Amino acid sequence: MNNIRTIINKFGELYSEQLGINLDSKKEGEIFKWFLASLLFGKRIGENIAARTYKEFEKAGILTPQAILKAGWDRLVQILDAGGYARYDFSTADKLLELMEKLLKEYGSLTELYNKAKDAKELENKLMEFRGIGPVTVNIFLRELRHVWQKADPEINPYTKLAAKTLKIDLKKLNRKSKDFVRLECALLRVGKNCIKKNKPIPYH
């Protein structure tokens, strides 16, 4: 357990926390902010670029479905470009507008989407009904909501599993619905991705 606590303390800050998003509040506004950020993180693009682009949305005050629709395509492209998201700016702007229309028309809010899902699998399926949202984005979004939404219980990321196995941490013995588990998951994900990126072995200590 000391090993786990050390890893959490070093690397366990949630991505949502780094962006100033308070998921513990369970407020629709905060959950939507994380949803928007997850859409940006879900592309094959650097985490720093995704985070910077989210901050551009924040700076512009465009952090609700209604605000995104009101902004329109040209403004969204400007924001995406300002954050360094140029490679995917056109397609992402298209996706955001279509997604917001569908969300408001069919559910009204993410909270209502959640309420209408009978279990974890249906929750994931409902999210993947939106254009451009696949397993990666769903995993990113729901991972940090494990302790907030009872039905949020995505698969453990392969990088996380690899780091846990190497560090001899049995994730099956831990409470997946606790915030500590979410922090550990984020920490192991960072360790695993960083070591593979740098072609280094995952440290044992």
N, C-alpha and C. Protein backbone atom coordinates (compact mmCIF):
# COMPACT_ATOMS: atom_id res chain seq x y z
N MET A 1 0.83 -1.22 0.00
CA MET A 1 0.00 0.00 0.00
C MET A 1 0.86 1.27 0.00
N ASN A 2 2.04 1.21 0.65
CA ASN A 2 2.93 2.37 0.65
C ASN A 2 3.37 2.70 -0.77
N ASN A 3 3.63 1.64 -1.55
CA ASN A 3 4.03 1.81 -2.94
C ASN A 3 2.93 2.51 -3.73
N ILE A 4 1.70 2.11 -3.50
CA ILE A 4 0.55 2.72 -4.19
C ILE A 4 0.41 4.19 -3.80
N ARG A 5 0.53 4.47 -2.50
CA ARG A 5 0.40 5.85 -2.04
C ARG A 5 1.48 6.74 -2.64
N THR A 6 2.69 6.22 -2.75
CA THR A 6 3.80 6.99 -3.34
C THR A 6 3.51 7.33 -4.79
N ILE A 7 3.02 6.35 -5.53
CA ILE A 7 2.70 6.55 -6.95
C ILE A 7 1.59 7.58 -7.11
N ILE A 8 0.55 7.47 -6.27
CA ILE A 8 -0.56 8.42 -6.33
C ILE A 8 -0.07 9.84 -6.02
N ASN A 9 0.74 9.96 -4.98
CA ASN A 9 1.23 11.28 -4.59
C ASN A 9 2.09 11.92 -5.67
N LYS A 10 2.86 11.10 -6.39
CA LYS A 10 3.77 11.62 -7.42
C LYS A 10 3.06 11.93 -8.73
N PHE A 11 2.18 11.03 -9.15
CA PHE A 11 1.65 11.13 -10.51
C PHE A 11 0.12 11.12 -10.59
N GLY A 12 -0.57 11.15 -9.46
CA GLY A 12 -2.00 10.88 -9.46
C GLY A 12 -2.95 12.05 -9.60
N GLU A 13 -2.45 13.22 -9.98
CA GLU A 13 -3.39 14.33 -10.19
C GLU A 13 -4.25 14.01 -11.41
N LEU A 14 -5.56 14.18 -11.28
CA LEU A 14 -6.46 13.88 -12.38
C LEU A 14 -6.28 14.90 -13.50
N TYR A 15 -6.50 14.46 -14.73
CA TYR A 15 -6.42 15.37 -15.86
C TYR A 15 -7.46 16.47 -15.72
N SER A 16 -8.63 16.11 -15.22
CA SER A 16 -9.68 17.12 -15.02
C SER A 16 -9.24 18.17 -14.00
N GLU A 17 -8.56 17.73 -12.95
CA GLU A 17 -8.07 18.68 -11.94
C GLU A 17 -7.04 19.62 -12.52
N GLN A 18 -6.18 19.10 -13.40
CA GLN A 18 -5.17 19.95 -14.03
C GLN A 18 -5.81 21.06 -14.85
N LEU A 19 -7.02 20.79 -15.35
CA LEU A 19 -7.73 21.77 -16.16
C LEU A 19 -8.65 22.66 -15.32
N GLY A 20 -8.68 22.43 -14.01
CA GLY A 20 -9.51 23.24 -13.14
C GLY A 20 -10.98 22.82 -13.14
N ILE A 21 -11.23 21.56 -13.51
CA ILE A 21 -12.60 21.04 -13.58
C ILE A 21 -12.90 20.26 -12.31
N ASN A 22 -14.01 20.56 -11.66
CA ASN A 22 -14.37 19.94 -10.38
C ASN A 22 -15.46 18.88 -10.58
N LEU A 23 -15.07 17.67 -10.89
CA LEU A 23 -16.04 16.60 -11.11
C LEU A 23 -16.71 16.16 -9.81
N ASP A 24 -16.04 16.35 -8.69
CA ASP A 24 -16.63 15.96 -7.40
C ASP A 24 -17.93 16.71 -7.11
N SER A 25 -18.11 17.87 -7.73
CA SER A 25 -19.32 18.65 -7.52
C SER A 25 -20.55 17.96 -8.11
N LYS A 26 -20.33 17.06 -9.08
CA LYS A 26 -21.41 16.35 -9.79
C LYS A 26 -22.31 17.30 -10.58
N LYS A 27 -21.88 18.52 -10.76
CA LYS A 27 -22.68 19.50 -11.49
C LYS A 27 -22.59 19.26 -12.99
N GLU A 28 -23.70 19.44 -13.67
CA GLU A 28 -23.75 19.24 -15.12
C GLU A 28 -22.69 20.08 -15.84
N GLY A 29 -22.53 21.32 -15.41
CA GLY A 29 -21.57 22.20 -16.06
C GLY A 29 -20.15 21.67 -16.00
N GLU A 30 -19.76 21.14 -14.85
CA GLU A 30 -18.40 20.61 -14.69
C GLU A 30 -18.25 19.30 -15.48
N ILE A 31 -19.27 18.48 -15.46
CA ILE A 31 -19.21 17.22 -16.22
C ILE A 31 -19.12 17.50 -17.71
N PHE A 32 -19.86 18.51 -18.17
CA PHE A 32 -19.78 18.85 -19.60
C PHE A 32 -18.39 19.38 -19.96
N LYS A 33 -17.79 20.17 -19.08
CA LYS A 33 -16.44 20.66 -19.36
C LYS A 33 -15.48 19.49 -19.57
N TRP A 34 -15.60 18.47 -18.72
CA TRP A 34 -14.73 17.31 -18.85
C TRP A 34 -15.06 16.53 -20.12
N PHE A 35 -16.32 16.50 -20.49
CA PHE A 35 -16.73 15.86 -21.73
C PHE A 35 -16.07 16.55 -22.93
N LEU A 36 -16.11 17.87 -22.95
CA LEU A 36 -15.46 18.63 -24.02
C LEU A 36 -13.96 18.35 -24.05
N ALA A 37 -13.35 18.37 -22.87
CA ALA A 37 -11.91 18.09 -22.80
C ALA A 37 -11.61 16.68 -23.29
N SER A 38 -12.46 15.72 -22.94
CA SER A 38 -12.26 14.34 -23.35
C SER A 38 -12.34 14.19 -24.86
N LEU A 39 -13.24 14.95 -25.49
CA LEU A 39 -13.34 14.93 -26.95
C LEU A 39 -12.02 15.39 -27.57
N LEU A 40 -11.39 16.38 -26.96
CA LEU A 40 -10.12 16.89 -27.47
C LEU A 40 -8.98 15.92 -27.20
N PHE A 41 -8.96 15.31 -26.01
CA PHE A 41 -7.92 14.33 -25.68
C PHE A 41 -8.06 13.05 -26.50
N GLY A 42 -9.28 12.80 -27.01
CA GLY A 42 -9.53 11.54 -27.71
C GLY A 42 -8.88 11.43 -29.07
N LYS A 43 -8.44 12.53 -29.65
CA LYS A 43 -7.77 12.51 -30.94
C LYS A 43 -6.31 12.10 -30.77
N ARG A 44 -5.71 11.64 -31.86
CA ARG A 44 -4.28 11.27 -31.83
C ARG A 44 -3.46 12.55 -31.91
N ILE A 45 -3.40 13.23 -30.80
CA ILE A 45 -2.71 14.51 -30.73
C ILE A 45 -2.10 14.62 -29.34
N GLY A 46 -1.07 15.43 -29.20
CA GLY A 46 -0.39 15.53 -27.91
C GLY A 46 -1.30 16.01 -26.80
N GLU A 47 -1.08 15.47 -25.60
CA GLU A 47 -1.90 15.87 -24.45
C GLU A 47 -1.78 17.36 -24.18
N ASN A 48 -0.59 17.92 -24.38
CA ASN A 48 -0.39 19.35 -24.13
C ASN A 48 -1.22 20.20 -25.09
N ILE A 49 -1.31 19.76 -26.33
CA ILE A 49 -2.11 20.49 -27.32
C ILE A 49 -3.59 20.41 -26.97
N ALA A 50 -4.04 19.21 -26.59
CA ALA A 50 -5.45 19.04 -26.21
C ALA A 50 -5.79 19.92 -25.01
N ALA A 51 -4.91 19.94 -24.01
CA ALA A 51 -5.15 20.76 -22.82
C ALA A 51 -5.14 22.25 -23.17
N ARG A 52 -4.20 22.65 -24.01
CA ARG A 52 -4.12 24.05 -24.41
C ARG A 52 -5.37 24.47 -25.19
N THR A 53 -5.87 23.58 -26.02
CA THR A 53 -7.07 23.88 -26.80
C THR A 53 -8.28 24.01 -25.89
N TYR A 54 -8.38 23.13 -24.88
CA TYR A 54 -9.48 23.26 -23.93
C TYR A 54 -9.42 24.63 -23.25
N LYS A 55 -8.22 25.07 -22.90
CA LYS A 55 -8.06 26.37 -22.25
C LYS A 55 -8.49 27.52 -23.16
N GLU A 56 -8.35 27.33 -24.48
CA GLU A 56 -8.83 28.34 -25.43
C GLU A 56 -10.36 28.42 -25.42
N PHE A 57 -11.01 27.26 -25.29
CA PHE A 57 -12.46 27.25 -25.15
C PHE A 57 -12.86 27.96 -23.86
N GLU A 58 -12.11 27.70 -22.80
CA GLU A 58 -12.38 28.33 -21.51
C GLU A 58 -12.21 29.85 -21.61
N LYS A 59 -11.12 30.26 -22.25
CA LYS A 59 -10.85 31.69 -22.40
C LYS A 59 -11.95 32.39 -23.19
N ALA A 60 -12.50 31.67 -24.17
CA ALA A 60 -13.57 32.24 -25.00
C ALA A 60 -14.93 32.15 -24.33
N GLY A 61 -15.01 31.47 -23.19
CA GLY A 61 -16.28 31.31 -22.49
C GLY A 61 -17.24 30.38 -23.21
N ILE A 62 -16.69 29.45 -23.98
CA ILE A 62 -17.52 28.52 -24.75
C ILE A 62 -17.39 27.14 -24.11
N LEU A 63 -18.22 26.91 -23.09
CA LEU A 63 -18.10 25.69 -22.29
C LEU A 63 -19.44 25.02 -22.02
N THR A 64 -20.42 25.28 -22.89
CA THR A 64 -21.72 24.62 -22.80
C THR A 64 -22.14 24.21 -24.21
N PRO A 65 -23.04 23.25 -24.35
CA PRO A 65 -23.52 22.88 -25.68
C PRO A 65 -24.12 24.08 -26.42
N GLN A 66 -24.89 24.89 -25.69
CA GLN A 66 -25.54 26.05 -26.29
C GLN A 66 -24.50 27.06 -26.80
N ALA A 67 -23.45 27.27 -26.02
CA ALA A 67 -22.41 28.22 -26.40
C ALA A 67 -21.64 27.74 -27.63
N ILE A 68 -21.42 26.42 -27.71
CA ILE A 68 -20.72 25.85 -28.86
C ILE A 68 -21.56 26.04 -30.13
N LEU A 69 -22.85 25.78 -30.04
CA LEU A 69 -23.73 25.96 -31.19
C LEU A 69 -23.82 27.43 -31.61
N LYS A 70 -23.89 28.31 -30.63
CA LYS A 70 -23.97 29.73 -30.91
C LYS A 70 -22.68 30.25 -31.55
N ALA A 71 -21.55 29.69 -31.14
CA ALA A 71 -20.25 30.13 -31.68
C ALA A 71 -20.17 29.88 -33.18
N GLY A 72 -20.67 28.74 -33.63
CA GLY A 72 -20.66 28.44 -35.05
C GLY A 72 -19.33 27.88 -35.53
N TRP A 73 -19.34 27.39 -36.75
CA TRP A 73 -18.20 26.66 -37.30
C TRP A 73 -16.93 27.50 -37.39
N ASP A 74 -17.04 28.71 -37.95
CA ASP A 74 -15.84 29.54 -38.14
C ASP A 74 -15.15 29.86 -36.81
N ARG A 75 -15.94 30.19 -35.81
CA ARG A 75 -15.37 30.54 -34.49
C ARG A 75 -14.74 29.32 -33.85
N LEU A 76 -15.36 28.16 -33.98
CA LEU A 76 -14.79 26.94 -33.42
C LEU A 76 -13.45 26.62 -34.06
N VAL A 77 -13.36 26.79 -35.36
CA VAL A 77 -12.09 26.54 -36.06
C VAL A 77 -11.01 27.49 -35.54
N GLN A 78 -11.37 28.75 -35.31
CA GLN A 78 -10.41 29.72 -34.76
C GLN A 78 -9.88 29.26 -33.41
N ILE A 79 -10.78 28.81 -32.55
CA ILE A 79 -10.39 28.36 -31.21
C ILE A 79 -9.50 27.12 -31.29
N LEU A 80 -9.88 26.18 -32.12
CA LEU A 80 -9.10 24.96 -32.29
C LEU A 80 -7.71 25.27 -32.82
N ASP A 81 -7.63 26.18 -33.78
CA ASP A 81 -6.33 26.57 -34.33
C ASP A 81 -5.47 27.27 -33.29
N ALA A 82 -6.09 28.12 -32.47
CA ALA A 82 -5.36 28.85 -31.43
C ALA A 82 -4.73 27.91 -30.42
N GLY A 83 -5.38 26.77 -30.20
CA GLY A 83 -4.83 25.80 -29.26
C GLY A 83 -3.81 24.85 -29.87
N GLY A 84 -3.63 24.95 -31.19
CA GLY A 84 -2.68 24.07 -31.85
C GLY A 84 -3.31 22.81 -32.42
N TYR A 85 -4.63 22.85 -32.54
CA TYR A 85 -5.40 21.69 -32.97
C TYR A 85 -5.64 21.71 -34.48
N ALA A 86 -4.77 22.42 -35.22
CA ALA A 86 -5.00 22.69 -36.64
C ALA A 86 -5.19 21.43 -37.49
N ARG A 87 -4.50 20.37 -37.13
CA ARG A 87 -4.57 19.14 -37.92
C ARG A 87 -6.00 18.60 -38.02
N TYR A 88 -6.79 18.83 -36.95
CA TYR A 88 -8.15 18.29 -36.90
C TYR A 88 -9.21 19.38 -36.79
N ASP A 89 -8.85 20.61 -37.13
CA ASP A 89 -9.77 21.72 -36.85
C ASP A 89 -11.10 21.62 -37.58
N PHE A 90 -11.09 21.37 -38.87
CA PHE A 90 -12.35 21.33 -39.63
C PHE A 90 -13.24 20.18 -39.17
N SER A 91 -12.66 18.99 -39.10
CA SER A 91 -13.45 17.81 -38.74
C SER A 91 -13.96 17.90 -37.31
N THR A 92 -13.16 18.46 -36.41
CA THR A 92 -13.58 18.58 -35.01
C THR A 92 -14.69 19.61 -34.86
N ALA A 93 -14.59 20.70 -35.60
CA ALA A 93 -15.66 21.71 -35.56
C ALA A 93 -16.97 21.09 -36.05
N ASP A 94 -16.91 20.35 -37.15
CA ASP A 94 -18.10 19.65 -37.66
C ASP A 94 -18.68 18.73 -36.60
N LYS A 95 -17.79 17.95 -35.99
CA LYS A 95 -18.23 16.96 -35.01
C LYS A 95 -18.86 17.62 -33.79
N LEU A 96 -18.25 18.69 -33.32
CA LEU A 96 -18.77 19.37 -32.13
C LEU A 96 -20.18 19.91 -32.37
N LEU A 97 -20.39 20.51 -33.51
CA LEU A 97 -21.71 21.09 -33.79
C LEU A 97 -22.77 20.00 -33.90
N GLU A 98 -22.44 18.92 -34.60
CA GLU A 98 -23.40 17.83 -34.74
C GLU A 98 -23.67 17.16 -33.40
N LEU A 99 -22.62 16.99 -32.62
CA LEU A 99 -22.74 16.32 -31.33
C LEU A 99 -23.61 17.12 -30.37
N MET A 100 -23.41 18.44 -30.34
CA MET A 100 -24.18 19.28 -29.42
C MET A 100 -25.67 19.29 -29.79
N GLU A 101 -25.94 19.33 -31.08
CA GLU A 101 -27.33 19.29 -31.53
C GLU A 101 -28.00 17.99 -31.08
N LYS A 102 -27.31 16.88 -31.26
CA LYS A 102 -27.86 15.57 -30.89
C LYS A 102 -28.05 15.47 -29.37
N LEU A 103 -27.05 15.95 -28.62
CA LEU A 103 -27.13 15.88 -27.16
C LEU A 103 -28.34 16.66 -26.64
N LEU A 104 -28.51 17.88 -27.12
CA LEU A 104 -29.61 18.71 -26.65
C LEU A 104 -30.97 18.18 -27.11
N LYS A 105 -31.02 17.70 -28.33
CA LYS A 105 -32.28 17.21 -28.88
C LYS A 105 -32.74 15.91 -28.23
N GLU A 106 -31.81 14.97 -28.03
CA GLU A 106 -32.19 13.64 -27.56
C GLU A 106 -32.17 13.49 -26.04
N TYR A 107 -31.32 14.29 -25.36
CA TYR A 107 -31.20 14.12 -23.90
C TYR A 107 -31.35 15.43 -23.12
N GLY A 108 -30.90 16.51 -23.70
CA GLY A 108 -30.94 17.77 -22.98
C GLY A 108 -29.69 18.03 -22.17
N SER A 109 -29.09 16.96 -21.65
CA SER A 109 -27.87 17.11 -20.84
C SER A 109 -27.17 15.76 -20.71
N LEU A 110 -25.92 15.79 -20.31
CA LEU A 110 -25.17 14.55 -20.06
C LEU A 110 -25.73 13.82 -18.84
N THR A 111 -26.20 14.57 -17.87
CA THR A 111 -26.78 13.96 -16.68
C THR A 111 -28.01 13.14 -17.04
N GLU A 112 -28.82 13.66 -17.95
CA GLU A 112 -30.02 12.93 -18.38
C GLU A 112 -29.65 11.72 -19.22
N LEU A 113 -28.60 11.84 -20.02
CA LEU A 113 -28.10 10.68 -20.78
C LEU A 113 -27.71 9.58 -19.80
N TYR A 114 -26.99 9.98 -18.75
CA TYR A 114 -26.57 9.03 -17.72
C TYR A 114 -27.78 8.38 -17.05
N ASN A 115 -28.75 9.17 -16.71
CA ASN A 115 -29.94 8.65 -16.01
C ASN A 115 -30.71 7.64 -16.86
N LYS A 116 -30.65 7.79 -18.17
CA LYS A 116 -31.40 6.91 -19.06
C LYS A 116 -30.66 5.61 -19.37
N ALA A 117 -29.40 5.52 -18.98
CA ALA A 117 -28.63 4.28 -19.19
C ALA A 117 -28.88 3.33 -18.02
N LYS A 118 -29.21 2.09 -18.32
CA LYS A 118 -29.55 1.16 -17.24
C LYS A 118 -28.32 0.57 -16.55
N ASP A 119 -27.17 0.59 -17.24
CA ASP A 119 -25.96 0.03 -16.64
C ASP A 119 -24.73 0.62 -17.34
N ALA A 120 -23.55 0.16 -16.92
CA ALA A 120 -22.30 0.70 -17.44
C ALA A 120 -22.17 0.51 -18.95
N LYS A 121 -22.55 -0.66 -19.43
CA LYS A 121 -22.42 -0.97 -20.85
C LYS A 121 -23.33 -0.08 -21.68
N GLU A 122 -24.56 0.11 -21.23
CA GLU A 122 -25.49 0.96 -21.98
C GLU A 122 -25.03 2.41 -21.96
N LEU A 123 -24.43 2.84 -20.86
CA LEU A 123 -23.90 4.20 -20.78
C LEU A 123 -22.83 4.39 -21.85
N GLU A 124 -21.93 3.44 -21.97
CA GLU A 124 -20.87 3.53 -22.98
C GLU A 124 -21.46 3.51 -24.38
N ASN A 125 -22.45 2.65 -24.60
CA ASN A 125 -23.08 2.56 -25.92
C ASN A 125 -23.79 3.85 -26.31
N LYS A 126 -24.46 4.47 -25.33
CA LYS A 126 -25.16 5.72 -25.61
C LYS A 126 -24.16 6.82 -26.01
N LEU A 127 -23.03 6.85 -25.35
CA LEU A 127 -22.01 7.84 -25.69
C LEU A 127 -21.43 7.59 -27.08
N MET A 128 -21.27 6.31 -27.43
CA MET A 128 -20.69 5.99 -28.74
C MET A 128 -21.68 6.11 -29.89
N GLU A 129 -22.92 6.44 -29.58
CA GLU A 129 -23.89 6.72 -30.64
C GLU A 129 -23.63 8.08 -31.27
N PHE A 130 -22.85 8.92 -30.59
CA PHE A 130 -22.53 10.23 -31.13
C PHE A 130 -21.42 10.11 -32.17
N ARG A 131 -21.54 10.89 -33.22
CA ARG A 131 -20.54 10.87 -34.28
C ARG A 131 -19.15 11.21 -33.74
N GLY A 132 -18.19 10.38 -34.11
CA GLY A 132 -16.80 10.66 -33.75
C GLY A 132 -16.40 10.25 -32.36
N ILE A 133 -17.31 9.68 -31.58
CA ILE A 133 -16.95 9.22 -30.24
C ILE A 133 -16.79 7.70 -30.27
N GLY A 134 -15.58 7.26 -30.01
CA GLY A 134 -15.29 5.83 -29.99
C GLY A 134 -14.85 5.38 -28.61
N PRO A 135 -14.37 4.16 -28.50
CA PRO A 135 -13.96 3.59 -27.21
C PRO A 135 -12.89 4.41 -26.48
N VAL A 136 -11.96 5.01 -27.22
CA VAL A 136 -10.88 5.77 -26.58
C VAL A 136 -11.45 6.99 -25.85
N THR A 137 -12.28 7.76 -26.55
CA THR A 137 -12.86 8.96 -25.94
C THR A 137 -13.77 8.60 -24.77
N VAL A 138 -14.56 7.55 -24.93
CA VAL A 138 -15.45 7.11 -23.86
C VAL A 138 -14.64 6.70 -22.63
N ASN A 139 -13.54 6.00 -22.86
CA ASN A 139 -12.69 5.57 -21.75
C ASN A 139 -12.11 6.77 -21.01
N ILE A 140 -11.63 7.75 -21.76
CA ILE A 140 -11.06 8.96 -21.15
C ILE A 140 -12.12 9.66 -20.30
N PHE A 141 -13.30 9.82 -20.86
CA PHE A 141 -14.37 10.55 -20.18
C PHE A 141 -14.84 9.84 -18.91
N LEU A 142 -15.10 8.56 -19.02
CA LEU A 142 -15.68 7.83 -17.88
C LEU A 142 -14.66 7.45 -16.81
N ARG A 143 -13.41 7.37 -17.19
CA ARG A 143 -12.37 6.95 -16.23
C ARG A 143 -12.35 7.87 -15.01
N GLU A 144 -12.44 9.17 -15.22
CA GLU A 144 -12.37 10.11 -14.10
C GLU A 144 -13.73 10.35 -13.45
N LEU A 145 -14.74 9.64 -13.94
CA LEU A 145 -16.07 9.74 -13.34
C LEU A 145 -16.44 8.48 -12.56
N ARG A 146 -15.51 7.56 -12.41
CA ARG A 146 -15.80 6.30 -11.71
C ARG A 146 -16.43 6.54 -10.33
N HIS A 147 -15.86 7.47 -9.60
CA HIS A 147 -16.31 7.71 -8.22
C HIS A 147 -17.46 8.70 -8.16
N VAL A 148 -17.84 9.28 -9.29
CA VAL A 148 -18.90 10.28 -9.35
C VAL A 148 -20.19 9.67 -9.88
N TRP A 149 -20.08 8.92 -10.96
CA TRP A 149 -21.22 8.24 -11.57
C TRP A 149 -21.13 6.75 -11.28
N GLN A 150 -22.11 6.19 -10.63
CA GLN A 150 -22.08 4.77 -10.26
C GLN A 150 -21.96 3.86 -11.48
N LYS A 151 -22.56 4.28 -12.59
CA LYS A 151 -22.54 3.45 -13.79
C LYS A 151 -21.31 3.70 -14.68
N ALA A 152 -20.41 4.54 -14.23
CA ALA A 152 -19.16 4.78 -14.98
C ALA A 152 -18.12 3.75 -14.54
N ASP A 153 -17.82 2.79 -15.39
CA ASP A 153 -16.87 1.74 -15.01
C ASP A 153 -16.19 1.18 -16.27
N PRO A 154 -15.41 2.03 -16.96
CA PRO A 154 -14.77 1.59 -18.20
C PRO A 154 -13.65 0.59 -17.98
N GLU A 155 -13.25 -0.07 -19.05
CA GLU A 155 -12.13 -1.00 -18.99
C GLU A 155 -10.85 -0.26 -18.59
N ILE A 156 -9.95 -0.97 -17.93
CA ILE A 156 -8.66 -0.38 -17.57
C ILE A 156 -7.82 -0.24 -18.83
N ASN A 157 -7.19 0.93 -19.00
CA ASN A 157 -6.34 1.19 -20.15
C ASN A 157 -5.16 0.21 -20.20
N PRO A 158 -4.76 -0.27 -21.39
CA PRO A 158 -3.62 -1.20 -21.50
C PRO A 158 -2.33 -0.67 -20.89
N TYR A 159 -2.06 0.64 -21.04
CA TYR A 159 -0.86 1.22 -20.42
C TYR A 159 -0.92 1.09 -18.90
N THR A 160 -2.12 1.30 -18.35
CA THR A 160 -2.32 1.19 -16.91
C THR A 160 -2.09 -0.24 -16.45
N LYS A 161 -2.64 -1.18 -17.19
CA LYS A 161 -2.46 -2.60 -16.85
C LYS A 161 -0.99 -3.00 -16.88
N LEU A 162 -0.28 -2.53 -17.89
CA LEU A 162 1.14 -2.87 -18.03
C LEU A 162 1.95 -2.33 -16.85
N ALA A 163 1.70 -1.05 -16.51
CA ALA A 163 2.43 -0.44 -15.40
C ALA A 163 2.08 -1.15 -14.09
N ALA A 164 0.80 -1.48 -13.89
CA ALA A 164 0.38 -2.16 -12.66
C ALA A 164 1.04 -3.53 -12.55
N LYS A 165 1.07 -4.25 -13.65
CA LYS A 165 1.69 -5.59 -13.64
C LYS A 165 3.17 -5.51 -13.32
N THR A 166 3.84 -4.55 -13.93
CA THR A 166 5.28 -4.39 -13.71
C THR A 166 5.59 -3.99 -12.27
N LEU A 167 4.73 -3.15 -11.71
CA LEU A 167 4.93 -2.67 -10.34
C LEU A 167 4.29 -3.58 -9.29
N LYS A 168 3.76 -4.73 -9.78
CA LYS A 168 3.16 -5.74 -8.89
C LYS A 168 1.99 -5.17 -8.08
N ILE A 169 1.14 -4.41 -8.75
CA ILE A 169 -0.06 -3.87 -8.13
C ILE A 169 -1.26 -4.63 -8.69
N ASP A 170 -1.99 -5.31 -7.83
CA ASP A 170 -3.16 -6.08 -8.26
C ASP A 170 -4.39 -5.18 -8.24
N LEU A 171 -4.75 -4.66 -9.40
CA LEU A 171 -5.88 -3.73 -9.48
C LEU A 171 -7.20 -4.39 -9.12
N LYS A 172 -7.29 -5.70 -9.28
CA LYS A 172 -8.53 -6.42 -9.00
C LYS A 172 -8.88 -6.43 -7.51
N LYS A 173 -7.87 -6.22 -6.68
CA LYS A 173 -8.10 -6.23 -5.23
C LYS A 173 -8.51 -4.86 -4.69
N LEU A 174 -8.52 -3.87 -5.56
CA LEU A 174 -8.82 -2.51 -5.12
C LEU A 174 -10.25 -2.10 -5.47
N ASN A 175 -10.77 -1.13 -4.75
CA ASN A 175 -12.12 -0.63 -4.98
C ASN A 175 -12.12 0.32 -6.18
N ARG A 176 -12.66 -0.14 -7.31
CA ARG A 176 -12.65 0.63 -8.54
C ARG A 176 -13.50 1.90 -8.47
N LYS A 177 -14.36 2.00 -7.47
CA LYS A 177 -15.26 3.15 -7.38
C LYS A 177 -14.76 4.22 -6.41
N SER A 178 -13.55 4.07 -5.93
CA SER A 178 -13.00 5.07 -5.02
C SER A 178 -12.18 6.10 -5.79
N LYS A 179 -12.06 7.30 -5.23
CA LYS A 179 -11.28 8.33 -5.90
C LYS A 179 -9.80 7.96 -5.90
N ASP A 180 -9.34 7.28 -4.88
CA ASP A 180 -7.95 6.83 -4.84
C ASP A 180 -7.65 5.91 -6.02
N PHE A 181 -8.62 5.05 -6.37
CA PHE A 181 -8.41 4.17 -7.51
C PHE A 181 -8.29 4.99 -8.80
N VAL A 182 -9.13 6.01 -8.93
CA VAL A 182 -9.08 6.87 -10.12
C VAL A 182 -7.73 7.56 -10.20
N ARG A 183 -7.25 8.04 -9.05
CA ARG A 183 -5.94 8.69 -9.02
C ARG A 183 -4.82 7.70 -9.37
N LEU A 184 -4.92 6.49 -8.83
CA LEU A 184 -3.93 5.46 -9.13
C LEU A 184 -3.95 5.13 -10.62
N GLU A 185 -5.15 5.02 -11.16
CA GLU A 185 -5.29 4.71 -12.58
C GLU A 185 -4.62 5.77 -13.45
N CYS A 186 -4.84 7.03 -13.11
CA CYS A 186 -4.20 8.12 -13.85
C CYS A 186 -2.68 8.08 -13.69
N ALA A 187 -2.23 7.80 -12.48
CA ALA A 187 -0.79 7.74 -12.22
C ALA A 187 -0.14 6.63 -13.03
N LEU A 188 -0.73 5.44 -13.00
CA LEU A 188 -0.17 4.31 -13.74
C LEU A 188 -0.22 4.55 -15.24
N LEU A 189 -1.28 5.20 -15.69
CA LEU A 189 -1.39 5.53 -17.11
C LEU A 189 -0.24 6.43 -17.53
N ARG A 190 0.05 7.44 -16.73
CA ARG A 190 1.15 8.36 -17.06
C ARG A 190 2.49 7.62 -17.06
N VAL A 191 2.71 6.80 -16.05
CA VAL A 191 3.97 6.06 -15.95
C VAL A 191 4.14 5.12 -17.14
N GLY A 192 3.07 4.38 -17.46
CA GLY A 192 3.14 3.43 -18.56
C GLY A 192 3.37 4.10 -19.89
N LYS A 193 2.63 5.16 -20.18
CA LYS A 193 2.76 5.86 -21.46
C LYS A 193 4.13 6.52 -21.59
N ASN A 194 4.60 7.13 -20.52
CA ASN A 194 5.86 7.83 -20.56
C ASN A 194 7.03 6.88 -20.79
N CYS A 195 6.99 5.74 -20.13
CA CYS A 195 8.09 4.78 -20.27
C CYS A 195 8.11 4.16 -21.66
N ILE A 196 6.95 3.85 -22.20
CA ILE A 196 6.89 3.27 -23.54
C ILE A 196 7.30 4.31 -24.58
N LYS A 197 6.87 5.55 -24.38
CA LYS A 197 7.23 6.62 -25.31
C LYS A 197 8.74 6.81 -25.36
N LYS A 198 9.38 6.72 -24.20
CA LYS A 198 10.83 6.92 -24.13
C LYS A 198 11.60 5.62 -24.29
N ASN A 199 10.85 4.53 -24.54
CA ASN A 199 11.46 3.21 -24.71
C ASN A 199 12.29 2.82 -23.49
N LYS A 200 11.73 3.08 -22.32
CA LYS A 200 12.41 2.75 -21.08
C LYS A 200 11.58 1.72 -20.32
N PRO A 201 12.22 0.90 -19.50
CA PRO A 201 11.46 -0.03 -18.68
C PRO A 201 10.69 0.73 -17.60
N ILE A 202 9.52 0.22 -17.24
CA ILE A 202 8.74 0.83 -16.17
C ILE A 202 9.48 0.64 -14.84
N PRO A 203 9.74 1.72 -14.10
CA PRO A 203 10.51 1.60 -12.86
C PRO A 203 9.78 0.77 -11.81
N TYR A 204 10.56 0.03 -11.03
CA TYR A 204 9.98 -0.80 -9.98
C TYR A 204 9.86 -0.03 -8.67
N HIS A 205 10.48 1.11 -8.59
CA HIS A 205 10.46 1.89 -7.35
C HIS A 205 10.10 3.33 -7.66
